[in-house]
Amino acid sequence: MLEIFVTSRVRRKILVVFAKYPDFRTHVRGLAKLIKEDPGNIQRELERMVAGNFLTVTKRGKTKVYQTNKQFPILKELQSIVIKSQKGKKPSKTIG
């Protein structure tokens, strides 16, 4: 159901991860391994989500670490939508 509103497959997978697990922190390569997508595409989507204030980014040395912005105005509603869209689906080996 989420694919109707979020057309980018990569963006949808990232959204599911960070909405379902708001305490999750990761860097681009770690997320790429988790959702099995190209790091370049992931980087582009992460930057869009940071610009939209859904994610925050902190630097650890040369590495950027991304996390859900818990102050995002519609976080609870977004989490609810993601969880509802996941119900009734068969569990897959990848997130998203």
Protein backbone atom coordinates (compact mmCIF):
# COMPACT_ATOMS: atom_id res chain seq x y z
CA MET A 1 0.00 0.00 0.00
CA LEU A 2 2.87 2.36 0.76
CA GLU A 3 4.05 2.09 -2.87
CA ILE A 4 0.97 4.04 -3.98
CA PHE A 5 2.12 7.16 -2.12
CA VAL A 6 5.90 6.73 -2.06
CA THR A 7 6.93 5.82 -5.58
CA SER A 8 10.68 5.46 -5.01
CA ARG A 9 11.49 1.89 -3.92
CA VAL A 10 14.68 3.00 -2.15
CA ARG A 11 12.91 5.86 -0.34
CA ARG A 12 10.15 3.48 0.73
CA LYS A 13 12.64 0.99 2.20
CA ILE A 14 14.50 3.74 4.07
CA LEU A 15 11.23 5.18 5.37
CA VAL A 16 10.14 1.78 6.69
CA VAL A 17 13.45 1.21 8.51
CA PHE A 18 13.59 4.60 10.21
CA ALA A 19 9.86 4.82 10.99
CA LYS A 20 9.66 1.33 12.51
CA TYR A 21 12.93 1.65 14.41
CA PRO A 22 13.34 5.31 15.48
CA ASP A 23 16.39 4.55 17.67
CA PHE A 24 18.23 2.91 14.76
CA ARG A 25 21.45 4.66 13.73
CA THR A 26 23.43 3.78 10.64
CA HIS A 27 25.79 4.98 7.97
CA VAL A 28 25.19 4.67 4.22
CA ARG A 29 27.06 1.39 3.71
CA GLY A 30 25.42 -0.27 6.71
CA LEU A 31 21.98 0.70 5.43
CA ALA A 32 22.89 -0.46 1.91
CA LYS A 33 23.79 -3.88 3.29
CA LEU A 34 20.56 -4.04 5.32
CA ILE A 35 18.11 -3.09 2.55
CA LYS A 36 20.18 -4.47 -0.33
CA GLU A 37 20.24 -1.30 -2.42
CA ASP A 38 22.97 0.77 -4.10
CA PRO A 39 24.79 3.12 -1.67
CA GLY A 40 24.69 5.97 -4.21
CA ASN A 41 20.90 5.85 -4.42
CA ILE A 42 20.64 5.53 -0.67
CA GLN A 43 22.90 8.55 -0.13
CA ARG A 44 20.72 10.68 -2.40
CA GLU A 45 17.53 9.66 -0.59
CA LEU A 46 19.08 10.14 2.86
CA GLU A 47 20.09 13.69 1.96
CA ARG A 48 16.52 14.41 0.81
CA MET A 49 15.19 13.08 4.11
CA VAL A 50 17.67 15.18 6.09
CA ALA A 51 16.63 18.26 4.09
CA GLY A 52 12.98 17.41 4.85
CA ASN A 53 13.86 17.17 8.56
CA PHE A 54 12.74 13.49 8.84
CA LEU A 55 16.31 12.36 9.59
CA THR A 56 19.19 13.90 11.49
CA VAL A 57 22.83 13.42 10.63
CA THR A 58 25.87 13.51 12.88
CA LYS A 59 29.49 13.10 11.93
CA ARG A 60 31.79 10.58 13.57
CA GLY A 61 35.16 11.26 12.10
CA LYS A 62 34.61 11.16 8.34
CA THR A 63 31.45 9.04 8.60
CA LYS A 64 27.92 10.46 8.56
CA VAL A 65 25.51 8.64 10.88
CA TYR A 66 21.76 8.95 10.22
CA GLN A 67 18.92 8.65 12.72
CA THR A 68 15.20 9.42 12.86
CA ASN A 69 14.43 12.95 13.98
CA LYS A 70 12.16 12.28 16.95
CA GLN A 71 10.96 15.89 16.81
CA PHE A 72 9.57 15.40 13.26
CA PRO A 73 6.03 16.84 13.42
CA ILE A 74 4.19 13.86 11.89
CA LEU A 75 6.46 11.04 13.10
CA LYS A 76 3.74 9.21 15.06
CA GLU A 77 1.32 9.36 12.15
CA LEU A 78 4.00 8.20 9.72
CA GLN A 79 4.91 5.30 12.00
CA SER A 80 1.26 4.30 12.16
CA ILE A 81 0.95 4.37 8.36
CA VAL A 82 4.11 2.28 7.92
CA ILE A 83 3.00 -0.31 10.46
CA LYS A 84 -0.47 -0.55 8.93
CA SER A 85 1.00 -0.92 5.45
CA GLN A 86 3.17 -3.81 6.68
CA LYS A 87 0.28 -5.80 8.19
CA GLY A 88 -0.84 -8.74 6.13
CA LYS A 89 2.41 -8.87 4.16
CA LYS A 90 4.59 -11.93 4.24
CA PRO A 91 7.81 -11.26 6.14
CA SER A 92 10.76 -10.90 3.81
CA LYS A 93 14.45 -11.34 4.37
CA THR A 94 15.04 -7.64 3.73
CA ILE A 95 13.40 -4.71 5.39
CA GLY A 96 10.97 -2.75 3.26
